[in-house]
Each structure stands twice: as C-alpha cells, then as structure tokens.
Amino acid sequence: MTITLEQAREAKSQALTMSRQAAWPATGVGIGQALGGLAVKVNLSSKPRKRLPEIINGVPVVYEITGKIRKRGL
C-alpha cells in the first residue's frame, strides 16, 4: 500500500496530539521515509517509559532518541 502525503500529514497531526496527551518525551515530529515510503518521524529526548505506537492510521512511525534539544553557543 502506498501512503499519500495527505495520509502522512494526518498521521503526523495525530502523533503530535498523542505525544502531548500521553506526555511522550518528544522533541520533534515530522514526515520522513521508511521502508521505501512515507512515515511519521518522532524524535525523543529519552527512552519512553511505555511502548509507543508503531503505526498511526496505517502510516508507520519511526522513533529516534536524539537527546534533549539545546541552544548552541556561538
């Protein structure tokens, strides 16, 4: 099944809502590539305490632990 950009955008919106409601340690949510198609990409500041969804409305979700976001010194 090919995932459309509209489907990915809707899943991204739902991921943002879910991350706020469930207090995921998310530092960013976007759209990226996975398994040759579109996916929701969620950056996390730390390992989550509970299992997060692998698919939202048929769109795969990819997680990456990136650490906390900090301002760079110039």
PDB file of N, CA and C in Angstrom:
ATOM      1  N   MET A   1       0.840  -1.183   0.000  1.00  0.00           N
ATOM      2  CA  MET A   1       0.000   0.000   0.000  1.00  0.00           C
ATOM      3  C   MET A   1       0.885   1.248   0.000  1.00  0.00           C
ATOM      4  N   THR A   2       0.601   2.159  -0.879  1.00  0.00           N
ATOM      5  CA  THR A   2       1.323   3.418  -0.948  1.00  0.00           C
ATOM      6  C   THR A   2       0.648   4.438  -0.045  1.00  0.00           C
ATOM      7  N   ILE A   3       1.459   5.107   0.741  1.00  0.00           N
ATOM      8  CA  ILE A   3       0.940   6.118   1.661  1.00  0.00           C
ATOM      9  C   ILE A   3       1.059   7.475   0.999  1.00  0.00           C
ATOM     10  N   THR A   4      -0.039   8.202   0.969  1.00  0.00           N
ATOM     11  CA  THR A   4      -0.047   9.521   0.354  1.00  0.00           C
ATOM     12  C   THR A   4       0.475  10.569   1.335  1.00  0.00           C
ATOM     13  N   LEU A   5       0.853  11.701   0.798  1.00  0.00           N
ATOM     14  CA  LEU A   5       1.323  12.791   1.633  1.00  0.00           C
ATOM     15  C   LEU A   5       0.215  13.253   2.575  1.00  0.00           C
ATOM     16  N   GLU A   6      -1.016  13.265   2.100  1.00  0.00           N
ATOM     17  CA  GLU A   6      -2.149  13.656   2.946  1.00  0.00           C
ATOM     18  C   GLU A   6      -2.311  12.696   4.126  1.00  0.00           C
ATOM     19  N   GLN A   7      -2.175  11.394   3.883  1.00  0.00           N
ATOM     20  CA  GLN A   7      -2.263  10.415   4.969  1.00  0.00           C
ATOM     21  C   GLN A   7      -1.134  10.635   5.979  1.00  0.00           C
ATOM     22  N   ALA A   8       0.070  10.887   5.482  1.00  0.00           N
ATOM     23  CA  ALA A   8       1.215  11.127   6.365  1.00  0.00           C
ATOM     24  C   ALA A   8       1.011  12.392   7.194  1.00  0.00           C
ATOM     25  N   ARG A   9       0.460  13.431   6.584  1.00  0.00           N
ATOM     26  CA  ARG A   9       0.196  14.674   7.324  1.00  0.00           C
ATOM     27  C   ARG A   9      -0.845  14.457   8.421  1.00  0.00           C
ATOM     28  N   GLU A  10      -1.875  13.707   8.127  1.00  0.00           N
ATOM     29  CA  GLU A  10      -2.910  13.422   9.128  1.00  0.00           C
ATOM     30  C   GLU A  10      -2.328  12.602  10.279  1.00  0.00           C
ATOM     31  N   ALA A  11      -1.509  11.597   9.947  1.00  0.00           N
ATOM     32  CA  ALA A  11      -0.884  10.778  10.985  1.00  0.00           C
ATOM     33  C   ALA A  11       0.084  11.618  11.824  1.00  0.00           C
ATOM     34  N   LYS A  12       0.789  12.550  11.194  1.00  0.00           N
ATOM     35  CA  LYS A  12       1.694  13.445  11.927  1.00  0.00           C
ATOM     36  C   LYS A  12       0.894  14.282  12.922  1.00  0.00           C
ATOM     37  N   SER A  13      -0.218  14.826  12.486  1.00  0.00           N
ATOM     38  CA  SER A  13      -1.070  15.623  13.357  1.00  0.00           C
ATOM     39  C   SER A  13      -1.546  14.797  14.546  1.00  0.00           C
ATOM     40  N   GLN A  14      -1.944  13.567  14.290  1.00  0.00           N
ATOM     41  CA  GLN A  14      -2.395  12.685  15.372  1.00  0.00           C
ATOM     42  C   GLN A  14      -1.244  12.339  16.314  1.00  0.00           C
ATOM     43  N   ALA A  15      -0.048  12.141  15.775  1.00  0.00           N
ATOM     44  CA  ALA A  15       1.123  11.850  16.607  1.00  0.00           C
ATOM     45  C   ALA A  15       1.430  13.024  17.533  1.00  0.00           C
ATOM     46  N   LEU A  16       1.309  14.247  17.017  1.00  0.00           N
ATOM     47  CA  LEU A  16       1.520  15.428  17.854  1.00  0.00           C
ATOM     48  C   LEU A  16       0.514  15.467  19.004  1.00  0.00           C
ATOM     49  N   THR A  17      -0.746  15.223  18.687  1.00  0.00           N
ATOM     50  CA  THR A  17      -1.785  15.217  19.713  1.00  0.00           C
ATOM     51  C   THR A  17      -1.525  14.117  20.732  1.00  0.00           C
ATOM     52  N   MET A  18      -1.197  12.925  20.258  1.00  0.00           N
ATOM     53  CA  MET A  18      -0.939  11.802  21.157  1.00  0.00           C
ATOM     54  C   MET A  18       0.272  12.084  22.047  1.00  0.00           C
ATOM     55  N   SER A  19       1.304  12.707  21.480  1.00  0.00           N
ATOM     56  CA  SER A  19       2.516  12.973  22.264  1.00  0.00           C
ATOM     57  C   SER A  19       2.236  13.953  23.392  1.00  0.00           C
ATOM     58  N   ARG A  20       1.365  14.921  23.137  1.00  0.00           N
ATOM     59  CA  ARG A  20       1.015  15.892  24.174  1.00  0.00           C
ATOM     60  C   ARG A  20       0.131  15.266  25.250  1.00  0.00           C
ATOM     61  N   GLN A  21      -0.855  14.494  24.819  1.00  0.00           N
ATOM     62  CA  GLN A  21      -1.788  13.894  25.767  1.00  0.00           C
ATOM     63  C   GLN A  21      -1.131  12.838  26.647  1.00  0.00           C
ATOM     64  N   ALA A  22      -0.235  12.055  26.062  1.00  0.00           N
ATOM     65  CA  ALA A  22       0.389  10.955  26.799  1.00  0.00           C
ATOM     66  C   ALA A  22       1.759  11.339  27.355  1.00  0.00           C
ATOM     67  N   ALA A  23       2.171  12.577  27.169  1.00  0.00           N
ATOM     68  CA  ALA A  23       3.450  13.084  27.690  1.00  0.00           C
ATOM     69  C   ALA A  23       4.642  12.265  27.200  1.00  0.00           C
ATOM     70  N   TRP A  24       4.680  12.000  25.878  1.00  0.00           N
ATOM     71  CA  TRP A  24       5.862  11.357  25.311  1.00  0.00           C
ATOM     72  C   TRP A  24       7.034  12.325  25.464  1.00  0.00           C
ATOM     73  N   PRO A  25       8.261  11.827  25.548  1.00  0.00           N
ATOM     74  CA  PRO A  25       9.410  12.719  25.605  1.00  0.00           C
ATOM     75  C   PRO A  25       9.815  13.191  24.196  1.00  0.00           C
ATOM     76  N   ALA A  26       8.848  13.678  23.434  1.00  0.00           N
ATOM     77  CA  ALA A  26       9.086  14.068  22.042  1.00  0.00           C
ATOM     78  C   ALA A  26       9.694  15.463  21.955  1.00  0.00           C
ATOM     79  N   THR A  27      10.729  15.580  21.115  1.00  0.00           N
ATOM     80  CA  THR A  27      11.339  16.882  20.856  1.00  0.00           C
ATOM     81  C   THR A  27      11.015  17.379  19.457  1.00  0.00           C
ATOM     82  N   GLY A  28      10.451  16.500  18.637  1.00  0.00           N
ATOM     83  CA  GLY A  28      10.068  16.890  17.288  1.00  0.00           C
ATOM     84  C   GLY A  28       9.281  15.790  16.602  1.00  0.00           C
ATOM     85  N   VAL A  29       8.355  16.197  15.736  1.00  0.00           N
ATOM     86  CA  VAL A  29       7.545  15.252  14.961  1.00  0.00           C
ATOM     87  C   VAL A  29       7.515  15.754  13.535  1.00  0.00           C
ATOM     88  N   GLY A  30       7.812  14.874  12.592  1.00  0.00           N
ATOM     89  CA  GLY A  30       7.826  15.275  11.194  1.00  0.00           C
ATOM     90  C   GLY A  30       7.443  14.120  10.290  1.00  0.00           C
ATOM     91  N   ILE A  31       7.636  14.331   8.998  1.00  0.00           N
ATOM     92  CA  ILE A  31       7.360  13.299   7.992  1.00  0.00           C
ATOM     93  C   ILE A  31       8.691  12.931   7.360  1.00  0.00           C
ATOM     94  N   GLY A  32       8.939  11.631   7.247  1.00  0.00           N
ATOM     95  CA  GLY A  32      10.186  11.155   6.668  1.00  0.00           C
ATOM     96  C   GLY A  32       9.946   9.913   5.833  1.00  0.00           C
ATOM     97  N   GLN A  33      11.004   9.185   5.563  1.00  0.00           N
ATOM     98  CA  GLN A  33      10.950   7.973   4.750  1.00  0.00           C
ATOM     99  C   GLN A  33      11.219   6.752   5.616  1.00  0.00           C
ATOM    100  N   ALA A  34      10.514   5.676   5.346  1.00  0.00           N
ATOM    101  CA  ALA A  34      10.763   4.385   5.989  1.00  0.00           C
ATOM    102  C   ALA A  34      10.249   3.286   5.082  1.00  0.00           C
ATOM    103  N   LEU A  35      11.035   2.257   4.953  1.00  0.00           N
ATOM    104  CA  LEU A  35      10.654   1.099   4.137  1.00  0.00           C
ATOM    105  C   LEU A  35      10.229   1.502   2.730  1.00  0.00           C
ATOM    106  N   GLY A  36      10.893   2.501   2.154  1.00  0.00           N
ATOM    107  CA  GLY A  36      10.611   2.921   0.789  1.00  0.00           C
ATOM    108  C   GLY A  36       9.377   3.773   0.628  1.00  0.00           C
ATOM    109  N   GLY A  37       8.798   4.261   1.700  1.00  0.00           N
ATOM    110  CA  GLY A  37       7.611   5.101   1.608  1.00  0.00           C
ATOM    111  C   GLY A  37       7.601   6.150   2.704  1.00  0.00           C
ATOM    112  N   LEU A  38       6.520   6.887   2.763  1.00  0.00           N
ATOM    113  CA  LEU A  38       6.396   7.937   3.764  1.00  0.00           C
ATOM    114  C   LEU A  38       6.106   7.357   5.143  1.00  0.00           C
ATOM    115  N   ALA A  39       6.589   8.060   6.172  1.00  0.00           N
ATOM    116  CA  ALA A  39       6.379   7.646   7.561  1.00  0.00           C
ATOM    117  C   ALA A  39       6.376   8.885   8.435  1.00  0.00           C
ATOM    118  N   VAL A  40       5.879   8.738   9.645  1.00  0.00           N
ATOM    119  CA  VAL A  40       5.970   9.794  10.652  1.00  0.00           C
ATOM    120  C   VAL A  40       7.266   9.550  11.416  1.00  0.00           C
ATOM    121  N   LYS A  41       8.062  10.615  11.587  1.00  0.00           N
ATOM    122  CA  LYS A  41       9.336  10.523  12.315  1.00  0.00           C
ATOM    123  C   LYS A  41       9.183  11.288  13.610  1.00  0.00           C
ATOM    124  N   VAL A  42       9.449  10.621  14.738  1.00  0.00           N
ATOM    125  CA  VAL A  42       9.343  11.243  16.053  1.00  0.00           C
ATOM    126  C   VAL A  42      10.718  11.207  16.716  1.00  0.00           C
ATOM    127  N   ASN A  43      11.247  12.378  17.056  1.00  0.00           N
ATOM    128  CA  ASN A  43      12.492  12.473  17.798  1.00  0.00           C
ATOM    129  C   ASN A  43      12.147  12.521  19.279  1.00  0.00           C
ATOM    130  N   LEU A  44      12.880  11.746  20.068  1.00  0.00           N
ATOM    131  CA  LEU A  44      12.628  11.651  21.503  1.00  0.00           C
ATOM    132  C   LEU A  44      13.855  12.123  22.284  1.00  0.00           C
ATOM    133  N   SER A  45      13.611  12.774  23.415  1.00  0.00           N
ATOM    134  CA  SER A  45      14.724  13.229  24.246  1.00  0.00           C
ATOM    135  C   SER A  45      15.301  12.087  25.076  1.00  0.00           C
ATOM    136  N   SER A  46      14.500  11.068  25.352  1.00  0.00           N
ATOM    137  CA  SER A  46      14.946   9.922  26.149  1.00  0.00           C
ATOM    138  C   SER A  46      14.088   8.706  25.799  1.00  0.00           C
ATOM    139  N   LYS A  47      14.508   7.572  26.309  1.00  0.00           N
ATOM    140  CA  LYS A  47      13.754   6.348  26.068  1.00  0.00           C
ATOM    141  C   LYS A  47      12.385   6.469  26.727  1.00  0.00           C
ATOM    142  N   PRO A  48      11.317   6.153  25.998  1.00  0.00           N
ATOM    143  CA  PRO A  48       9.975   6.265  26.590  1.00  0.00           C
ATOM    144  C   PRO A  48       9.753   5.207  27.666  1.00  0.00           C
ATOM    145  N   ARG A  49       8.909   5.536  28.618  1.00  0.00           N
ATOM    146  CA  ARG A  49       8.604   4.613  29.715  1.00  0.00           C
ATOM    147  C   ARG A  49       7.680   3.485  29.283  1.00  0.00           C
ATOM    148  N   LYS A  50       6.860   3.763  28.272  1.00  0.00           N
ATOM    149  CA  LYS A  50       5.940   2.735  27.795  1.00  0.00           C
ATOM    150  C   LYS A  50       6.067   2.605  26.285  1.00  0.00           C
ATOM    151  N   ARG A  51       5.485   1.555  25.774  1.00  0.00           N
ATOM    152  CA  ARG A  51       5.550   1.272  24.341  1.00  0.00           C
ATOM    153  C   ARG A  51       4.739   2.308  23.562  1.00  0.00           C
ATOM    154  N   LEU A  52       5.326   2.823  22.504  1.00  0.00           N
ATOM    155  CA  LEU A  52       4.665   3.818  21.649  1.00  0.00           C
ATOM    156  C   LEU A  52       4.146   3.132  20.391  1.00  0.00           C
ATOM    157  N   PRO A  53       3.129   3.695  19.756  1.00  0.00           N
ATOM    158  CA  PRO A  53       2.535   3.049  18.573  1.00  0.00           C
ATOM    159  C   PRO A  53       3.519   2.965  17.405  1.00  0.00           C
ATOM    160  N   GLU A  54       3.494   1.822  16.719  1.00  0.00           N
ATOM    161  CA  GLU A  54       4.344   1.620  15.553  1.00  0.00           C
ATOM    162  C   GLU A  54       3.656   2.093  14.272  1.00  0.00           C
ATOM    163  N   ILE A  55       2.322   2.177  14.324  1.00  0.00           N
ATOM    164  CA  ILE A  55       1.536   2.602  13.164  1.00  0.00           C
ATOM    165  C   ILE A  55       0.420   3.517  13.662  1.00  0.00           C
ATOM    166  N   ILE A  56       0.213   4.623  12.964  1.00  0.00           N
ATOM    167  CA  ILE A  56      -0.900   5.527  13.256  1.00  0.00           C
ATOM    168  C   ILE A  56      -1.692   5.686  11.964  1.00  0.00           C
ATOM    169  N   ASN A  57      -2.929   5.234  11.983  1.00  0.00           N
ATOM    170  CA  ASN A  57      -3.812   5.283  10.802  1.00  0.00           C
ATOM    171  C   ASN A  57      -3.158   4.698   9.554  1.00  0.00           C
ATOM    172  N   GLY A  58      -2.485   3.585   9.715  1.00  0.00           N
ATOM    173  CA  GLY A  58      -1.877   2.898   8.586  1.00  0.00           C
ATOM    174  C   GLY A  58      -0.528   3.451   8.150  1.00  0.00           C
ATOM    175  N   VAL A  59      -0.037   4.469   8.832  1.00  0.00           N
ATOM    176  CA  VAL A  59       1.249   5.086   8.491  1.00  0.00           C
ATOM    177  C   VAL A  59       2.287   4.628   9.518  1.00  0.00           C
ATOM    178  N   PRO A  60       3.423   4.070   9.065  1.00  0.00           N
ATOM    179  CA  PRO A  60       4.435   3.642  10.025  1.00  0.00           C
ATOM    180  C   PRO A  60       5.034   4.827  10.780  1.00  0.00           C
ATOM    181  N   VAL A  61       5.436   4.573  12.019  1.00  0.00           N
ATOM    182  CA  VAL A  61       6.047   5.599  12.856  1.00  0.00           C
ATOM    183  C   VAL A  61       7.458   5.141  13.205  1.00  0.00           C
ATOM    184  N   VAL A  62       8.425   6.020  12.973  1.00  0.00           N
ATOM    185  CA  VAL A  62       9.828   5.740  13.257  1.00  0.00           C
ATOM    186  C   VAL A  62      10.260   6.647  14.403  1.00  0.00           C
ATOM    187  N   TYR A  63      10.905   6.059  15.410  1.00  0.00           N
ATOM    188  CA  TYR A  63      11.358   6.819  16.578  1.00  0.00           C
ATOM    189  C   TYR A  63      12.878   6.861  16.595  1.00  0.00           C
ATOM    190  N   GLU A  64      13.416   7.987  17.025  1.00  0.00           N
ATOM    191  CA  GLU A  64      14.858   8.116  17.200  1.00  0.00           C
ATOM    192  C   GLU A  64      15.110   8.892  18.491  1.00  0.00           C
ATOM    193  N   ILE A  65      15.965   8.344  19.328  1.00  0.00           N
ATOM    194  CA  ILE A  65      16.334   9.047  20.558  1.00  0.00           C
ATOM    195  C   ILE A  65      17.482   9.980  20.206  1.00  0.00           C
ATOM    196  N   THR A  66      17.190  11.263  20.229  1.00  0.00           N
ATOM    197  CA  THR A  66      18.172  12.290  19.825  1.00  0.00           C
ATOM    198  C   THR A  66      18.744  13.041  21.011  1.00  0.00           C
ATOM    199  N   GLY A  67      18.153  12.849  22.177  1.00  0.00           N
ATOM    200  CA  GLY A  67      18.588  13.606  23.348  1.00  0.00           C
ATOM    201  C   GLY A  67      17.843  14.921  23.437  1.00  0.00           C
ATOM    202  N   LYS A  68      18.165  15.683  24.460  1.00  0.00           N
ATOM    203  CA  LYS A  68      17.497  16.980  24.659  1.00  0.00           C
ATOM    204  C   LYS A  68      18.006  17.990  23.652  1.00  0.00           C
ATOM    205  N   ILE A  69      17.127  18.885  23.264  1.00  0.00           N
ATOM    206  CA  ILE A  69      17.485  19.967  22.347  1.00  0.00           C
ATOM    207  C   ILE A  69      18.068  21.106  23.180  1.00  0.00           C
ATOM    208  N   ARG A  70      19.250  21.556  22.779  1.00  0.00           N
ATOM    209  CA  ARG A  70      19.905  22.663  23.483  1.00  0.00           C
ATOM    210  C   ARG A  70      20.354  23.714  22.500  1.00  0.00           C
ATOM    211  N   LYS A  71      20.350  24.924  22.945  1.00  0.00           N
ATOM    212  CA  LYS A  71      20.820  26.038  22.148  1.00  0.00           C
ATOM    213  C   LYS A  71      22.348  25.939  22.039  1.00  0.00           C
ATOM    214  N   ARG A  72      22.837  26.117  20.834  1.00  0.00           N
ATOM    215  CA  ARG A  72      24.294  26.111  20.621  1.00  0.00           C
ATOM    216  C   ARG A  72      24.896  27.451  20.980  1.00  0.00           C
ATOM    217  N   GLY A  73      26.044  27.416  21.572  1.00  0.00           N
ATOM    218  CA  GLY A  73      26.768  28.654  21.840  1.00  0.00           C
ATOM    219  C   GLY A  73      27.498  29.109  20.597  1.00  0.00           C
ATOM    220  N   LEU A  74      27.506  30.384  20.338  1.00  0.00           N
ATOM    221  CA  LEU A  74      28.197  30.902  19.149  1.00  0.00           C
ATOM    222  C   LEU A  74      29.499  31.517  19.488  1.00  0.00           C
TER     223      LEU A  74
END
